Amino acid sequence: MNNLDNKNLYKKLDTDRVAESIAALPDQLRQVLNDSQAIKIPKGYSQVNQIVINGMGGSNLGAHIIKAVFCEELKAPLTITPGYCVPASVDKNTLYVISSYSGNTEEPLSTYEEVKKRGAKILGITMQDTRCPDGHRVSKLADLMEKNNLPGYRFKVEHNPSTQPRLGVGYTNFGTVILLAKAGLLKIDVQEMEKIINRLEANGEKLKLSEPIKNNRAKQLAAKLYNKIPVIVAAEHLEGNLQIMRNQFNETSKNFASYLILPDLNHYAMEGLSYPKSNNKNLAFFFIDSALYHPRAQRRAVLTKQVVKKNNITVLDYQAVGQTKLEQALEILQLGSWLTYYLGMLNNVNPVKIPWVDWFKQELEK
């Protein structure tokens, strides 16, 4: 196994500045907070009875955090529907968010005409692009927003040198939060958000490359998950982080992973731990704990760990320390980004390259 305190390891494998992008999460959040002052949303956008977000891959990860963290505060139910289909319920009383980091994601863009025809209130979120020499835009969504005078957020990518959407989730995640807040569908305390960003910066110092493994929780977890299939477990406001971290394990670490949600898993998953017999060699359960969970959910987590251990399967855990649900979600986002990066280093892979996804896209176009 590679030494995570070996600087040459990162120079060899991280040729696309992934570590810099991960470290820049607080900068991404601060940029969005500053940009939010110029974002204008029509008043009528608050008069909706549902929110639908369509984004693929890294462009919908933030939506899962929003749905989990703000489930008790959102003034309309939120549905995440990545793909070509438009739900039958979408109508003039729907806020429909088209999310594409690059602005060229085929699936959400394909729904625009149908959503427009139904009279939905549409928002776009994408990167602020540049024009090509022939005058056309690099981002189709940015072009669509300009031509059709669609409100939304076009962010300038200042803090994601890797250029990977999954590493710019600070833009798409918090950008979508700001759009919904501007639409009057949830509330954000700006001063509290500034404090959260400052705390994330301080916490990031403990997870960065130069921090040795003896003091670095992300490196320690990566070392324990090496050569294992991680099964991530969380509850309630941290459910959205499960999908993000699962995706990061797959894309960044090139390591298969899955997730289970408390308390739902207690009604089926525990019985599947016995077979195959190789489970105790291959699986590692990673529990994300929180004092903000319902007391019964906390008790369930304790008992579930005992069940996993009784099946001789590795159990790891992390106690979120953030003071609010949003802060904890961002804390776990930061931890997961570093953890999966370090596991990628142990797997001796470039964290940016996605050869199977690239192959699939090429074949799809034939």
Protein backbone atom coordinates (compact mmCIF):
# COMPACT_ATOMS: atom_id res chain seq x y z
CA MET A 1 0.00 0.00 0.00
CA ASN A 2 1.27 3.47 -0.87
CA ASN A 3 2.38 5.89 1.83
CA LEU A 4 -0.14 8.74 2.10
CA ASP A 5 2.54 10.99 3.59
CA ASN A 6 4.68 10.61 0.47
CA LYS A 7 4.50 13.90 -1.47
CA ASN A 8 5.78 12.23 -4.63
CA LEU A 9 2.67 10.04 -4.71
CA TYR A 10 0.45 13.09 -5.26
CA LYS A 11 2.76 14.59 -7.85
CA LYS A 12 2.71 11.34 -9.79
CA LEU A 13 -1.04 10.66 -9.77
CA ASP A 14 -2.75 14.02 -9.30
CA THR A 15 -1.74 15.70 -12.54
CA ASP A 16 -4.98 17.69 -12.81
CA ARG A 17 -4.92 19.61 -9.51
CA VAL A 18 -7.73 17.68 -7.84
CA ALA A 19 -6.38 18.33 -4.34
CA GLU A 20 -6.47 22.06 -5.05
CA SER A 21 -10.12 21.84 -6.09
CA ILE A 22 -11.03 19.90 -2.94
CA ALA A 23 -9.23 22.42 -0.75
CA ALA A 24 -11.10 25.23 -2.53
CA LEU A 25 -14.58 24.20 -1.33
CA PRO A 26 -14.78 27.12 1.17
CA ASP A 27 -13.66 29.50 -1.60
CA GLN A 28 -16.39 28.18 -3.90
CA LEU A 29 -19.00 28.72 -1.19
CA ARG A 30 -17.74 32.21 -0.40
CA GLN A 31 -17.81 33.15 -4.10
CA VAL A 32 -21.44 32.00 -4.42
CA LEU A 33 -22.36 33.94 -1.28
CA ASN A 34 -20.80 37.09 -2.76
CA ASP A 35 -22.38 36.51 -6.19
CA SER A 36 -25.80 36.04 -4.62
CA GLN A 37 -26.21 39.78 -4.16
CA ALA A 38 -26.62 40.17 -7.93
CA ILE A 39 -29.03 37.25 -8.44
CA LYS A 40 -32.61 38.35 -9.15
CA ILE A 41 -35.56 35.96 -9.19
CA PRO A 42 -39.07 37.07 -10.28
CA LYS A 43 -41.53 37.38 -7.38
CA GLY A 44 -43.94 34.91 -8.95
CA TYR A 45 -41.40 32.14 -8.54
CA SER A 46 -42.35 31.79 -4.88
CA GLN A 47 -45.91 30.82 -5.83
CA VAL A 48 -45.28 27.16 -6.59
CA ASN A 49 -46.47 23.88 -5.14
CA GLN A 50 -43.44 21.78 -6.11
CA ILE A 51 -39.76 22.06 -7.00
CA VAL A 52 -38.20 19.79 -9.62
CA ILE A 53 -34.44 19.67 -10.21
CA ASN A 54 -33.00 18.01 -13.31
CA GLY A 55 -29.24 17.52 -13.37
CA MET A 56 -26.95 14.59 -14.08
CA GLY A 57 -23.95 13.24 -12.18
CA GLY A 58 -22.05 16.02 -10.45
CA SER A 59 -24.73 18.54 -11.40
CA ASN A 60 -27.41 16.97 -9.21
CA LEU A 61 -25.31 16.11 -6.17
CA GLY A 62 -26.10 19.38 -4.41
CA ALA A 63 -29.83 18.80 -4.87
CA HIS A 64 -29.64 15.70 -2.69
CA ILE A 65 -28.05 17.71 0.14
CA ILE A 66 -30.73 20.40 -0.19
CA LYS A 67 -33.55 17.86 -0.08
CA ALA A 68 -32.15 16.23 3.06
CA VAL A 69 -30.98 19.31 4.98
CA PHE A 70 -33.98 21.54 4.27
CA CYS A 71 -36.76 18.93 4.19
CA GLU A 72 -38.49 20.56 7.17
CA GLU A 73 -38.03 24.10 5.86
CA LEU A 74 -38.70 24.02 2.12
CA LYS A 75 -42.04 25.62 1.36
CA ALA A 76 -42.70 23.16 -1.46
CA PRO A 77 -41.72 19.49 -1.90
CA LEU A 78 -38.53 18.89 -3.89
CA THR A 79 -38.11 16.13 -6.45
CA ILE A 80 -34.87 15.20 -8.22
CA THR A 81 -35.60 13.81 -11.69
CA PRO A 82 -32.38 13.37 -13.69
CA GLY A 83 -33.02 12.30 -17.24
CA TYR A 84 -35.10 12.88 -20.34
CA CYS A 85 -38.56 12.50 -18.80
CA VAL A 86 -40.68 15.34 -17.46
CA PRO A 87 -42.97 14.26 -14.59
CA ALA A 88 -46.67 14.50 -15.37
CA SER A 89 -47.13 16.82 -12.37
CA VAL A 90 -44.97 19.58 -13.88
CA ASP A 91 -47.18 22.56 -14.69
CA LYS A 92 -47.48 26.32 -14.21
CA ASN A 93 -47.21 25.83 -10.44
CA THR A 94 -43.82 24.10 -10.70
CA LEU A 95 -40.38 25.59 -10.18
CA TYR A 96 -38.19 23.62 -12.58
CA VAL A 97 -34.41 23.90 -12.18
CA ILE A 98 -32.14 22.88 -15.06
CA SER A 99 -28.73 22.17 -13.58
CA SER A 100 -25.67 21.57 -15.75
CA TYR A 101 -22.19 22.51 -14.62
CA SER A 102 -20.84 22.51 -18.19
CA GLY A 103 -24.09 23.75 -19.69
CA ASN A 104 -24.09 20.97 -22.26
CA THR A 105 -25.61 18.02 -20.43
CA GLU A 106 -27.92 16.32 -22.91
CA GLU A 107 -30.65 15.00 -20.62
CA PRO A 108 -31.77 18.13 -18.70
CA LEU A 109 -31.42 20.34 -21.78
CA SER A 110 -33.72 18.01 -23.72
CA THR A 111 -36.58 18.75 -21.30
CA TYR A 112 -36.60 22.53 -21.77
CA GLU A 113 -39.18 22.81 -24.56
CA GLU A 114 -41.64 20.49 -22.84
CA VAL A 115 -41.27 22.25 -19.50
CA LYS A 116 -41.68 25.63 -21.18
CA LYS A 117 -44.80 24.43 -23.00
CA ARG A 118 -46.36 23.45 -19.68
CA GLY A 119 -45.77 26.94 -18.31
CA ALA A 120 -43.42 25.97 -15.48
CA LYS A 121 -41.26 28.59 -13.82
CA ILE A 122 -37.75 27.73 -15.02
CA LEU A 123 -34.36 28.47 -13.45
CA GLY A 124 -30.95 27.60 -14.86
CA ILE A 125 -27.65 27.04 -13.09
CA THR A 126 -24.46 26.62 -15.09
CA MET A 127 -20.94 27.92 -15.48
CA GLN A 128 -20.33 31.30 -17.03
CA ASP A 129 -18.76 30.44 -20.35
CA THR A 130 -16.85 32.26 -23.05
CA ARG A 131 -17.72 32.63 -26.70
CA CYS A 132 -15.90 30.68 -29.40
CA PRO A 133 -14.22 32.53 -32.30
CA ASP A 134 -17.29 31.93 -34.46
CA GLY A 135 -19.49 33.64 -31.85
CA HIS A 136 -21.45 30.68 -30.45
CA ARG A 137 -21.43 29.89 -26.77
CA VAL A 138 -19.51 27.02 -25.24
CA SER A 139 -22.42 26.43 -22.84
CA LYS A 140 -25.76 25.61 -24.45
CA LEU A 141 -27.59 26.30 -21.20
CA ALA A 142 -25.96 29.71 -20.82
CA ASP A 143 -27.00 30.45 -24.41
CA LEU A 144 -30.54 29.26 -23.65
CA MET A 145 -30.73 31.44 -20.55
CA GLU A 146 -29.58 34.50 -22.48
CA LYS A 147 -31.82 34.01 -25.51
CA ASN A 148 -34.92 33.25 -23.45
CA ASN A 149 -34.21 35.65 -20.61
CA LEU A 150 -34.25 32.81 -18.08
CA PRO A 151 -33.35 33.73 -14.50
CA GLY A 152 -30.80 31.71 -12.60
CA TYR A 153 -27.11 31.67 -11.78
CA ARG A 154 -24.16 31.58 -14.15
CA PHE A 155 -21.05 31.21 -12.03
CA LYS A 156 -17.51 32.07 -13.04
CA VAL A 157 -15.28 29.08 -12.23
CA GLU A 158 -12.56 30.70 -10.13
CA HIS A 159 -11.88 27.91 -7.63
CA ASN A 160 -11.99 24.57 -9.42
CA PRO A 161 -8.67 24.13 -11.26
CA SER A 162 -9.42 20.46 -11.97
CA THR A 163 -12.47 21.58 -14.05
CA GLN A 164 -14.39 18.49 -12.87
CA PRO A 165 -18.10 19.14 -12.06
CA ARG A 166 -18.03 16.74 -9.09
CA LEU A 167 -15.27 18.90 -7.58
CA GLY A 168 -17.20 22.10 -8.20
CA VAL A 169 -20.16 21.00 -6.11
CA GLY A 170 -19.72 24.10 -3.96
CA TYR A 171 -21.01 26.06 -6.96
CA THR A 172 -23.91 23.83 -7.92
CA ASN A 173 -24.84 22.87 -4.35
CA PHE A 174 -24.83 26.25 -2.68
CA GLY A 175 -25.78 27.99 -5.92
CA THR A 176 -29.03 26.03 -5.96
CA VAL A 177 -29.58 26.83 -2.27
CA ILE A 178 -29.22 30.52 -3.07
CA LEU A 179 -31.65 30.28 -6.00
CA LEU A 180 -34.29 28.67 -3.81
CA ALA A 181 -33.67 31.22 -1.07
CA LYS A 182 -33.98 34.08 -3.56
CA ALA A 183 -37.24 32.55 -4.75
CA GLY A 184 -38.52 32.67 -1.17
CA LEU A 185 -38.70 28.90 -0.71
CA LEU A 186 -36.16 28.63 2.12
CA LYS A 187 -34.11 30.94 4.32
CA ILE A 188 -30.34 31.39 4.57
CA ASP A 189 -28.64 33.39 7.33
CA VAL A 190 -25.75 35.12 5.55
CA GLN A 191 -23.77 35.80 8.72
CA GLU A 192 -24.14 32.20 9.87
CA MET A 193 -23.06 31.00 6.43
CA GLU A 194 -19.92 33.11 6.66
CA LYS A 195 -19.11 31.48 10.01
CA ILE A 196 -19.64 28.02 8.50
CA ILE A 197 -17.25 28.83 5.66
CA ASN A 198 -14.61 29.99 8.13
CA ARG A 199 -14.97 26.78 10.14
CA LEU A 200 -14.68 24.70 6.96
CA GLU A 201 -11.44 26.50 6.16
CA ALA A 202 -10.05 25.64 9.59
CA ASN A 203 -11.19 22.03 9.32
CA GLY A 204 -9.69 21.75 5.84
CA GLU A 205 -6.26 22.46 7.30
CA LYS A 206 -6.53 19.17 9.22
CA LEU A 207 -7.32 17.17 6.08
CA LYS A 208 -4.92 18.58 3.49
CA LEU A 209 -1.99 16.78 1.87
CA SER A 210 0.68 18.12 4.19
CA GLU A 211 -1.12 16.97 7.34
CA PRO A 212 0.41 13.59 8.32
CA ILE A 213 -1.75 10.50 8.59
CA LYS A 214 -1.36 10.34 12.37
CA ASN A 215 -3.37 13.60 12.59
CA ASN A 216 -5.41 13.37 9.37
CA ARG A 217 -8.81 11.69 9.76
CA ALA A 218 -9.43 11.45 6.01
CA LYS A 219 -6.11 9.67 5.43
CA GLN A 220 -6.78 7.30 8.34
CA LEU A 221 -10.20 6.34 6.98
CA ALA A 222 -8.82 5.85 3.47
CA ALA A 223 -6.14 3.50 4.79
CA LYS A 224 -8.76 1.42 6.62
CA LEU A 225 -11.04 1.29 3.56
CA TYR A 226 -8.26 0.25 1.19
CA ASN A 227 -9.08 -2.97 -0.67
CA LYS A 228 -12.64 -2.93 0.73
CA ILE A 229 -16.12 -2.21 -0.65
CA PRO A 230 -17.39 0.71 1.45
CA VAL A 231 -21.01 0.70 2.56
CA ILE A 232 -21.81 4.20 3.81
CA VAL A 233 -24.55 4.65 6.40
CA ALA A 234 -26.25 7.87 7.53
CA ALA A 235 -29.68 9.23 8.44
CA GLU A 236 -31.99 12.21 8.07
CA HIS A 237 -30.22 15.47 7.16
CA LEU A 238 -27.07 13.61 6.04
CA GLU A 239 -28.86 11.26 3.64
CA GLY A 240 -27.98 13.54 0.72
CA ASN A 241 -24.29 13.10 1.48
CA LEU A 242 -24.59 9.37 0.94
CA GLN A 243 -25.14 9.65 -2.80
CA ILE A 244 -22.38 12.23 -3.14
CA MET A 245 -19.83 10.14 -1.28
CA ARG A 246 -20.89 6.98 -3.12
CA ASN A 247 -20.32 8.79 -6.43
CA GLN A 248 -16.96 10.10 -5.24
CA PHE A 249 -15.79 6.61 -4.26
CA ASN A 250 -16.68 5.38 -7.74
CA GLU A 251 -15.35 8.29 -9.79
CA THR A 252 -12.46 9.63 -7.73
CA SER A 253 -11.21 6.43 -6.06
CA LYS A 254 -12.29 4.06 -8.89
CA ASN A 255 -13.56 1.98 -5.97
CA PHE A 256 -17.00 0.40 -5.93
CA ALA A 257 -19.16 1.58 -3.02
CA SER A 258 -22.77 1.55 -1.92
CA TYR A 259 -24.89 3.17 0.78
CA LEU A 260 -27.72 2.39 3.19
CA ILE A 261 -30.09 4.75 4.99
CA LEU A 262 -31.13 4.57 8.63
CA PRO A 263 -33.70 3.59 9.80
CA ASP A 264 -34.83 1.95 6.55
CA LEU A 265 -31.89 -0.48 6.45
CA ASN A 266 -32.99 -1.96 9.79
CA HIS A 267 -36.02 -3.45 8.07
CA TYR A 268 -34.13 -5.52 5.47
CA ALA A 269 -30.38 -5.02 5.00
CA MET A 270 -29.11 -6.63 8.18
CA GLU A 271 -30.33 -10.05 7.05
CA GLY A 272 -28.13 -9.82 3.97
CA LEU A 273 -24.86 -9.65 5.90
CA SER A 274 -24.46 -13.42 6.28
CA TYR A 275 -23.86 -14.29 2.62
CA PRO A 276 -21.77 -14.52 0.66
CA LYS A 277 -19.27 -15.65 3.28
CA SER A 278 -16.69 -13.31 1.73
CA ASN A 279 -18.63 -10.30 3.13
CA ASN A 280 -16.39 -10.16 6.18
CA LYS A 281 -13.34 -9.84 3.93
CA ASN A 282 -14.77 -7.51 1.28
CA LEU A 283 -17.15 -5.11 3.04
CA ALA A 284 -16.48 -2.20 5.37
CA PHE A 285 -19.38 -0.27 6.88
CA PHE A 286 -18.72 3.44 7.35
CA PHE A 287 -21.23 5.10 9.70
CA ILE A 288 -21.67 8.87 9.67
CA ASP A 289 -23.02 9.80 13.09
CA SER A 290 -24.66 12.99 14.30
CA ALA A 291 -25.99 14.32 17.59
CA LEU A 292 -28.62 16.12 15.49
CA TYR A 293 -30.28 12.87 14.44
CA HIS A 294 -33.55 11.92 16.13
CA PRO A 295 -32.66 10.10 19.39
CA ARG A 296 -34.16 6.88 18.07
CA ALA A 297 -32.02 7.13 14.92
CA GLN A 298 -28.94 7.53 17.10
CA ARG A 299 -29.90 4.45 19.10
CA ARG A 300 -30.50 2.54 15.88
CA ALA A 301 -27.01 3.45 14.66
CA VAL A 302 -25.45 2.03 17.83
CA LEU A 303 -27.36 -1.24 17.54
CA THR A 304 -26.74 -1.53 13.78
CA LYS A 305 -23.00 -1.29 14.36
CA GLN A 306 -23.30 -4.18 16.80
CA VAL A 307 -25.11 -6.28 14.20
CA VAL A 308 -22.43 -5.57 11.60
CA LYS A 309 -19.65 -6.42 14.06
CA LYS A 310 -21.41 -9.66 15.05
CA ASN A 311 -21.12 -10.62 11.36
CA ASN A 312 -17.33 -9.99 11.59
CA ILE A 313 -17.54 -7.09 9.14
CA THR A 314 -15.33 -4.01 9.59
CA VAL A 315 -17.07 -1.00 11.16
CA LEU A 316 -15.73 2.55 10.88
CA ASP A 317 -17.43 5.74 11.98
CA TYR A 318 -17.18 9.50 12.01
CA GLN A 319 -19.01 11.88 14.35
CA ALA A 320 -20.11 15.08 12.61
CA VAL A 321 -19.30 18.10 14.76
CA GLY A 322 -20.97 20.97 12.88
CA GLN A 323 -23.42 23.07 14.88
CA THR A 324 -26.25 23.00 12.32
CA LYS A 325 -27.62 20.52 9.80
CA LEU A 326 -26.26 22.53 6.88
CA GLU A 327 -22.83 22.83 8.48
CA GLN A 328 -22.69 19.08 9.09
CA ALA A 329 -23.69 18.35 5.49
CA LEU A 330 -20.89 20.60 4.21
CA GLU A 331 -18.48 19.09 6.74
CA ILE A 332 -19.21 15.59 5.42
CA LEU A 333 -18.96 16.84 1.84
CA GLN A 334 -15.48 18.13 2.62
CA LEU A 335 -14.44 14.97 4.47
CA GLY A 336 -15.77 12.69 1.73
CA SER A 337 -13.94 14.60 -0.98
CA TRP A 338 -10.60 14.18 0.81
CA LEU A 339 -11.28 10.60 1.90
CA THR A 340 -12.09 9.40 -1.62
CA TYR A 341 -9.12 11.33 -3.02
CA TYR A 342 -6.73 9.57 -0.62
CA LEU A 343 -8.26 6.19 -1.40
CA GLY A 344 -7.64 6.91 -5.07
CA MET A 345 -4.01 7.52 -4.24
CA LEU A 346 -3.85 4.15 -2.46
CA ASN A 347 -5.48 2.54 -5.51
CA ASN A 348 -2.73 4.13 -7.62
CA VAL A 349 -5.14 5.93 -9.96
CA ASN A 350 -5.46 9.41 -11.41
CA PRO A 351 -8.53 10.81 -9.60
CA VAL A 352 -9.71 12.77 -12.64
CA LYS A 353 -9.67 10.11 -15.34
CA ILE A 354 -12.97 8.29 -15.90
CA PRO A 355 -12.08 5.86 -18.72
CA TRP A 356 -15.27 3.79 -18.60
CA VAL A 357 -17.55 6.83 -18.62
CA ASP A 358 -15.56 8.28 -21.52
CA TRP A 359 -15.74 4.97 -23.43
CA PHE A 360 -19.48 4.75 -22.80
CA LYS A 361 -20.13 8.28 -24.10
CA GLN A 362 -18.11 7.60 -27.25
CA GLU A 363 -19.98 4.38 -27.94
CA LEU A 364 -23.31 6.07 -27.32
CA GLU A 365 -22.58 8.60 -30.06
CA LYS A 366 -21.87 5.95 -32.70
